[in-house]
């Protein structure tokens, strides 16, 4: 893709942060923590597809996850200082319940001793959501993500193992970003900055401002649509920034600034980010169709590509170290379950 908080969105967000810092606000909540673990049977074999449920005192404290092929699971953004417990359920096994857990601020807790015993005289039937349904829920959650409740933050996922998006969902996310009022406000802001600096050879009047506005929005449109929908669909790549959130500061920073060049394919493997690079080059090339003739040429393509890549790197760093704490709606769940419901009945002999 493209990561898709545009340069103007960064400016708007940082302005909002500066404004917030100038006001009297309540003390921030303690930094959330992470709970991880590996579900095994009594013989030490991993149990893939086990359903993980985090239960807390409030609905916002509840989470669900599913173990991967190695039986591993991760529950992120667990509120610190709140007692909770983890329940693990899998077909053919008795449920496993953890003791009560209360995380410290920023704590990374690994649950141990997760050994599920075979179930007895219990038949359980599970209706598991399809990958497409889970991906749709992920997009629904992303569409509610806004930095400080205002600036769109749609192109980031806080799930470390997100489900691949279908082409239709990739186009849906792109159109949602392009039609958001803040996107138009961002284009208007960039146009005003360009006019004030007499950038590009448009007129210096109202007509010139609207020409700059059109060019700014067109740049966003081609960048997001080509790099965030068309190429990711054709090349089977994920256009979103995948928040890391754990590890050393250096590792997280490298993860953030590598985003314009390295992404995750729909197959879950890391690969060159051809979608983003192709998107920024296409945006610069198409810009030659609507900028003044005196500004056209290879220089316009190179300048646009360099700005977009640098913006994506800056966005990655802000996502990894700033925006997560300022995006409260990222903790919401559109559905109470992403892994399905279970119904149980006892069977006699």
Protein backbone atom coordinates (compact mmCIF):
# COMPACT_ATOMS: atom_id res chain seq x y z
CA UNK A 1 0.00 0.00 0.00
CA UNK A 2 0.55 2.61 1.34
CA UNK A 3 0.14 3.03 4.91
CA UNK A 4 -2.09 5.78 4.48
CA UNK A 5 -1.94 8.45 7.01
CA UNK A 6 -1.01 11.16 4.51
CA UNK A 7 1.43 13.96 5.25
CA UNK A 8 -1.48 16.28 5.92
CA UNK A 9 -3.08 13.80 8.33
CA UNK A 10 0.18 13.72 10.32
CA UNK A 11 0.13 17.51 10.49
CA UNK A 12 -3.50 17.52 11.67
CA UNK A 13 -2.81 14.82 14.26
CA UNK A 14 0.30 16.50 15.66
CA UNK A 15 -1.59 19.79 15.86
CA UNK A 16 -4.37 18.03 17.77
CA UNK A 17 -1.81 16.45 20.11
CA UNK A 18 -0.19 19.83 20.72
CA UNK A 19 -3.60 21.30 21.47
CA UNK A 20 -4.40 18.50 23.87
CA UNK A 21 -1.09 18.97 25.66
CA UNK A 22 -1.99 22.60 26.28
CA UNK A 23 -5.15 21.67 28.12
CA UNK A 24 -5.77 20.26 31.56
CA UNK A 25 -6.43 16.59 31.03
CA UNK A 26 -6.74 13.70 33.38
CA UNK A 27 -3.81 11.41 34.05
CA UNK A 28 -3.34 8.77 31.32
CA UNK A 29 -4.35 5.22 31.99
CA UNK A 30 -1.52 2.79 32.83
CA UNK A 31 0.16 1.24 29.83
CA UNK A 32 -1.56 -1.97 28.82
CA UNK A 33 0.13 -5.36 28.90
CA UNK A 34 0.32 -8.54 26.86
CA UNK A 35 -0.53 -12.15 27.74
CA UNK A 36 0.85 -15.00 25.65
CA UNK A 37 0.89 -18.77 25.98
CA UNK A 38 0.97 -22.11 24.17
CA UNK A 39 -1.89 -24.60 24.40
CA UNK A 40 -0.68 -28.22 24.63
CA UNK A 41 -2.29 -31.58 25.26
CA UNK A 42 -1.13 -33.82 28.12
CA UNK A 43 1.51 -35.33 25.81
CA UNK A 44 3.01 -31.96 25.02
CA UNK A 45 1.59 -31.70 21.49
CA UNK A 46 0.37 -28.26 20.34
CA UNK A 47 -3.38 -27.71 19.95
CA UNK A 48 -4.09 -25.48 16.94
CA UNK A 49 -7.44 -23.75 16.62
CA UNK A 50 -8.12 -23.62 20.37
CA UNK A 51 -10.37 -20.73 21.38
CA UNK A 52 -8.92 -18.26 23.87
CA UNK A 53 -11.17 -16.02 25.97
CA UNK A 54 -9.92 -13.26 28.25
CA UNK A 55 -12.52 -12.36 30.88
CA UNK A 56 -12.42 -9.14 32.91
CA UNK A 57 -14.80 -7.04 34.99
CA UNK A 58 -15.88 -4.80 32.08
CA UNK A 59 -16.95 -5.63 28.50
CA UNK A 60 -14.00 -3.60 27.19
CA UNK A 61 -11.63 -5.93 29.08
CA UNK A 62 -12.82 -9.02 27.20
CA UNK A 63 -10.92 -10.43 24.24
CA UNK A 64 -10.91 -13.55 22.12
CA UNK A 65 -8.21 -15.20 20.04
CA UNK A 66 -7.41 -18.50 18.34
CA UNK A 67 -4.18 -20.49 18.66
CA UNK A 68 -2.02 -20.86 15.55
CA UNK A 69 -0.63 -24.10 14.13
CA UNK A 70 1.95 -24.21 16.96
CA UNK A 71 -0.69 -23.73 19.66
CA UNK A 72 0.54 -20.18 20.35
CA UNK A 73 -1.75 -17.27 21.18
CA UNK A 74 -1.34 -13.62 22.14
CA UNK A 75 -3.73 -11.25 23.89
CA UNK A 76 -2.60 -7.64 23.49
CA UNK A 77 -3.81 -4.42 25.09
CA UNK A 78 -4.73 -6.08 28.39
CA UNK A 79 -5.61 -3.33 30.86
CA UNK A 80 -3.11 -3.06 33.70
CA UNK A 81 -4.24 -3.31 37.31
CA UNK A 82 -7.44 -5.19 36.45
CA UNK A 83 -7.97 -8.80 37.64
CA UNK A 84 -8.80 -11.18 34.81
CA UNK A 85 -8.47 -14.81 33.84
CA UNK A 86 -8.00 -16.80 30.64
CA UNK A 87 -10.17 -19.72 29.50
CA UNK A 88 -9.05 -22.07 26.72
CA UNK A 89 -11.46 -24.39 24.94
CA UNK A 90 -10.84 -26.91 22.14
CA UNK A 91 -12.95 -29.62 20.57
CA UNK A 92 -12.43 -32.94 22.35
CA UNK A 93 -10.72 -31.37 25.37
CA UNK A 94 -11.86 -30.16 28.75
CA UNK A 95 -11.67 -26.39 29.22
CA UNK A 96 -8.54 -24.96 30.84
CA UNK A 97 -8.85 -21.99 33.19
CA UNK A 98 -5.99 -19.85 34.41
CA UNK A 99 -5.72 -18.49 37.94
CA UNK A 100 -6.63 -14.84 38.39
CA UNK A 101 -4.08 -12.58 36.72
CA UNK A 102 -3.43 -8.86 37.29
CA UNK A 103 -0.84 -7.30 34.96
CA UNK A 104 1.48 -4.47 35.83
CA UNK A 105 1.79 -1.53 33.43
CA UNK A 106 3.55 -2.72 30.26
CA UNK A 107 3.99 -6.28 31.54
CA UNK A 108 4.55 -9.12 29.05
CA UNK A 109 3.22 -12.25 30.78
CA UNK A 110 3.64 -15.79 29.50
CA UNK A 111 1.15 -18.28 30.92
CA UNK A 112 2.72 -21.67 31.56
CA UNK A 113 1.39 -25.12 32.31
CA UNK A 114 -1.41 -24.96 29.73
CA UNK A 115 -2.14 -28.66 29.25
CA UNK A 116 -5.65 -29.53 28.14
CA UNK A 117 -7.04 -32.91 29.20
CA UNK A 118 -9.29 -35.04 27.05
CA UNK A 119 -12.96 -34.29 27.63
CA UNK A 120 -15.26 -36.94 29.11
CA UNK A 121 -18.81 -37.76 27.96
CA UNK A 122 -19.19 -34.28 26.47
CA UNK A 123 -19.93 -33.68 22.84
CA UNK A 124 -19.26 -30.14 21.66
CA UNK A 125 -20.28 -28.69 18.32
CA UNK A 126 -18.59 -25.49 17.18
CA UNK A 127 -19.67 -23.15 14.44
CA UNK A 128 -16.45 -21.38 13.46
CA UNK A 129 -16.46 -18.16 11.51
CA UNK A 130 -14.85 -18.28 8.07
CA UNK A 131 -11.69 -16.33 7.30
CA UNK A 132 -13.71 -13.88 5.20
CA UNK A 133 -16.03 -13.17 8.12
CA UNK A 134 -13.10 -12.55 10.46
CA UNK A 135 -11.43 -10.30 7.86
CA UNK A 136 -14.68 -8.33 7.52
CA UNK A 137 -14.78 -7.80 11.28
CA UNK A 138 -11.16 -6.63 11.22
CA UNK A 139 -12.05 -4.00 8.61
CA UNK A 140 -15.11 -2.94 10.60
CA UNK A 141 -12.88 -2.39 13.62
CA UNK A 142 -10.32 -0.48 11.51
CA UNK A 143 -13.04 1.82 10.18
CA UNK A 144 -13.66 3.04 13.75
CA UNK A 145 -9.99 3.75 14.51
CA UNK A 146 -9.24 7.46 14.83
CA UNK A 147 -6.29 9.20 16.46
CA UNK A 148 -7.68 11.37 19.28
CA UNK A 149 -11.07 10.31 17.99
CA UNK A 150 -10.64 12.53 14.89
CA UNK A 151 -7.87 11.63 12.43
CA UNK A 152 -8.54 8.41 10.45
CA UNK A 153 -6.27 5.54 11.38
CA UNK A 154 -7.80 2.92 9.13
CA UNK A 155 -4.66 1.38 7.61
CA UNK A 156 -3.24 -0.20 10.75
CA UNK A 157 -4.10 -3.47 12.45
CA UNK A 158 -3.27 -4.25 16.06
CA UNK A 159 -3.70 -7.99 15.52
CA UNK A 160 -0.19 -9.52 15.24
CA UNK A 161 -1.59 -12.31 13.05
CA UNK A 162 -4.32 -10.64 10.95
CA UNK A 163 -6.44 -12.60 8.52
CA UNK A 164 -5.76 -11.78 4.85
CA UNK A 165 -8.19 -9.30 3.31
CA UNK A 166 -10.19 -10.15 0.22
CA UNK A 167 -9.85 -7.81 -2.80
CA UNK A 168 -13.31 -6.43 -2.01
CA UNK A 169 -12.23 -5.51 1.53
CA UNK A 170 -9.06 -3.85 0.24
CA UNK A 171 -11.11 -1.64 -2.07
CA UNK A 172 -13.62 -0.98 0.72
CA UNK A 173 -10.85 0.24 3.04
CA UNK A 174 -9.41 2.48 0.30
CA UNK A 175 -12.78 4.06 -0.51
CA UNK A 176 -13.48 4.57 3.20
CA UNK A 177 -10.21 6.47 3.58
CA UNK A 178 -10.74 8.52 0.40
CA UNK A 179 -14.27 9.63 1.30
CA UNK A 180 -13.58 10.55 4.93
CA UNK A 181 -14.11 14.29 5.64
CA UNK A 182 -10.69 14.52 7.30
CA UNK A 183 -9.06 13.36 4.05
CA UNK A 184 -10.60 16.34 2.23
CA UNK A 185 -9.53 18.61 5.10
CA UNK A 186 -6.01 17.24 4.76
CA UNK A 187 -5.96 17.95 1.03
CA UNK A 188 -7.20 21.47 1.72
CA UNK A 189 -4.44 21.99 4.30
CA UNK A 190 -1.70 20.85 1.91
CA UNK A 191 -3.15 23.07 -0.83
CA UNK A 192 -3.03 26.05 1.52
CA UNK A 193 0.58 25.33 2.45
CA UNK A 194 1.55 24.99 -1.22
CA UNK A 195 -0.21 28.26 -2.08
CA UNK A 196 1.46 30.11 0.79
CA UNK A 197 4.85 28.86 -0.41
CA UNK A 198 3.94 29.58 -4.07
CA UNK A 199 4.76 25.96 -4.80
CA UNK A 200 4.12 24.70 -8.32
CA UNK A 201 3.24 27.05 -11.17
CA UNK A 202 -0.47 27.42 -10.49
CA UNK A 203 -2.04 30.86 -10.20
CA UNK A 204 -1.88 32.77 -6.91
CA UNK A 205 -5.61 33.35 -6.55
CA UNK A 206 -8.75 31.41 -5.61
CA UNK A 207 -8.60 29.47 -8.86
CA UNK A 208 -5.00 28.55 -8.18
CA UNK A 209 -5.92 27.36 -4.67
CA UNK A 210 -8.61 25.02 -5.98
CA UNK A 211 -6.19 23.74 -8.61
CA UNK A 212 -3.73 22.93 -5.85
CA UNK A 213 -6.52 21.34 -3.82
CA UNK A 214 -7.48 19.14 -6.78
CA UNK A 215 -3.88 18.13 -7.35
CA UNK A 216 -3.37 17.33 -3.66
CA UNK A 217 -6.48 15.17 -3.46
CA UNK A 218 -5.63 13.48 -6.77
CA UNK A 219 -2.23 12.55 -5.35
CA UNK A 220 -3.93 10.96 -2.34
CA UNK A 221 -6.48 9.21 -4.53
CA UNK A 222 -3.94 7.53 -6.83
CA UNK A 223 -1.59 6.70 -3.97
CA UNK A 224 -4.31 5.08 -1.84
CA UNK A 225 -6.28 3.44 -4.63
CA UNK A 226 -3.30 2.05 -6.57
CA UNK A 227 -1.01 1.30 -3.61
CA UNK A 228 -3.74 0.33 -1.14
CA UNK A 229 -6.24 -1.59 -3.27
CA UNK A 230 -5.35 -2.29 -6.91
CA UNK A 231 -1.79 -3.58 -6.50
CA UNK A 232 -2.38 -5.36 -3.15
CA UNK A 233 -5.26 -7.22 -4.81
CA UNK A 234 -3.22 -8.18 -7.88
CA UNK A 235 -0.05 -9.03 -5.93
CA UNK A 236 -1.84 -10.62 -2.94
CA UNK A 237 -0.25 -8.32 -0.35
CA UNK A 238 -1.60 -6.79 2.85
CA UNK A 239 -1.85 -2.98 2.51
CA UNK A 240 -2.02 -2.38 6.28
CA UNK A 241 0.69 -1.49 8.77
CA UNK A 242 0.90 -4.34 11.29
CA UNK A 243 1.57 -2.88 14.73
CA UNK A 244 4.36 -4.73 16.57
CA UNK A 245 4.10 -3.18 20.03
CA UNK A 246 6.58 -5.56 21.70
CA UNK A 247 10.33 -6.02 21.69
CA UNK A 248 13.14 -3.52 22.05
CA UNK A 249 12.79 0.08 20.94
CA UNK A 250 15.34 -0.57 18.19
CA UNK A 251 13.46 -3.60 16.87
CA UNK A 252 10.17 -1.72 16.83
CA UNK A 253 11.77 1.28 15.10
CA UNK A 254 13.29 -0.96 12.41
CA UNK A 255 9.90 -2.61 11.93
CA UNK A 256 8.29 0.81 11.50
CA UNK A 257 10.74 2.34 9.01
CA UNK A 258 10.95 -0.86 6.93
CA UNK A 259 7.22 -0.77 6.19
CA UNK A 260 7.51 1.08 2.84
CA UNK A 261 9.83 -1.68 1.63
CA UNK A 262 8.73 -4.86 3.46
CA UNK A 263 5.17 -6.05 3.99
CA UNK A 264 3.22 -9.23 4.67
CA UNK A 265 1.73 -11.21 1.83
CA UNK A 266 -1.75 -12.69 1.98
CA UNK A 267 0.02 -16.00 2.59
CA UNK A 268 1.42 -14.62 5.87
CA UNK A 269 5.04 -14.39 4.69
CA UNK A 270 7.15 -11.24 4.64
CA UNK A 271 8.00 -9.99 1.16
CA UNK A 272 9.09 -6.83 -0.70
CA UNK A 273 6.38 -4.20 -0.58
CA UNK A 274 5.85 -3.97 -4.33
CA UNK A 275 2.36 -2.57 -3.76
CA UNK A 276 3.55 0.49 -1.85
CA UNK A 277 6.50 1.18 -4.13
CA UNK A 278 4.35 0.74 -7.21
CA UNK A 279 1.69 2.99 -5.69
CA UNK A 280 4.01 5.93 -5.02
CA UNK A 281 5.61 5.66 -8.47
CA UNK A 282 2.21 5.47 -10.15
CA UNK A 283 1.01 8.47 -8.15
CA UNK A 284 3.99 10.54 -9.32
CA UNK A 285 3.63 9.40 -12.92
CA UNK A 286 -0.11 10.15 -13.06
CA UNK A 287 0.54 13.58 -11.49
CA UNK A 288 2.16 14.60 -14.78
CA UNK A 289 -1.34 14.67 -16.27
CA UNK A 290 -2.65 17.49 -14.06
CA UNK A 291 0.29 19.57 -12.83
CA UNK A 292 1.41 22.61 -14.86
CA UNK A 293 3.59 21.73 -17.84
CA UNK A 294 6.54 23.55 -16.30
CA UNK A 295 6.42 21.22 -13.27
CA UNK A 296 6.08 17.95 -15.14
CA UNK A 297 8.80 15.42 -15.84
CA UNK A 298 10.90 12.78 -14.05
CA UNK A 299 11.57 15.23 -11.23
CA UNK A 300 7.90 15.33 -10.30
CA UNK A 301 7.75 11.52 -10.18
CA UNK A 302 10.90 11.28 -8.05
CA UNK A 303 9.86 14.09 -5.73
CA UNK A 304 6.41 12.57 -5.17
CA UNK A 305 7.87 9.10 -4.54
CA UNK A 306 10.47 10.34 -2.05
CA UNK A 307 7.88 12.37 -0.11
CA UNK A 308 5.47 9.42 0.02
CA UNK A 309 8.15 6.98 1.19
CA UNK A 310 9.44 9.37 3.87
CA UNK A 311 5.86 10.01 4.98
CA UNK A 312 5.24 6.26 5.30
CA UNK A 313 8.39 5.86 7.40
CA UNK A 314 7.34 8.73 9.67
CA UNK A 315 3.86 7.27 9.92
CA UNK A 316 5.31 3.91 10.93
CA UNK A 317 7.27 5.47 13.78
CA UNK A 318 4.24 7.44 14.95
CA UNK A 319 2.06 4.33 14.76
CA UNK A 320 4.52 2.25 16.73
CA UNK A 321 5.28 4.75 19.49
CA UNK A 322 2.53 7.43 19.59
CA UNK A 323 -0.72 6.77 17.75
CA UNK A 324 -1.56 3.51 19.52
CA UNK A 325 -2.06 5.32 22.81
CA UNK A 326 -4.14 8.00 21.08
CA UNK A 327 -6.49 5.63 19.24
CA UNK A 328 -8.98 4.52 21.91
CA UNK A 329 -11.45 2.95 19.49
CA UNK A 330 -8.81 0.42 18.45
CA UNK A 331 -9.74 -1.53 21.59
CA UNK A 332 -13.37 -1.90 20.56
CA UNK A 333 -14.75 -5.13 19.22
CA UNK A 334 -17.41 -4.97 16.53
CA UNK A 335 -18.54 -8.46 17.42
CA UNK A 336 -18.49 -10.30 20.71
CA UNK A 337 -16.79 -13.21 18.97
CA UNK A 338 -14.50 -13.74 16.01
CA UNK A 339 -14.01 -17.42 16.45
CA UNK A 340 -17.53 -18.75 16.77
CA UNK A 341 -20.02 -19.99 19.29
CA UNK A 342 -20.25 -23.33 20.95
CA UNK A 343 -23.16 -25.43 22.10
CA UNK A 344 -22.65 -28.41 24.34
CA UNK A 345 -24.80 -31.37 25.26
CA UNK A 346 -24.16 -34.38 27.44
CA UNK A 347 -24.37 -37.80 25.82
CA UNK A 348 -25.20 -40.99 27.68
CA UNK A 349 -23.87 -44.48 27.17
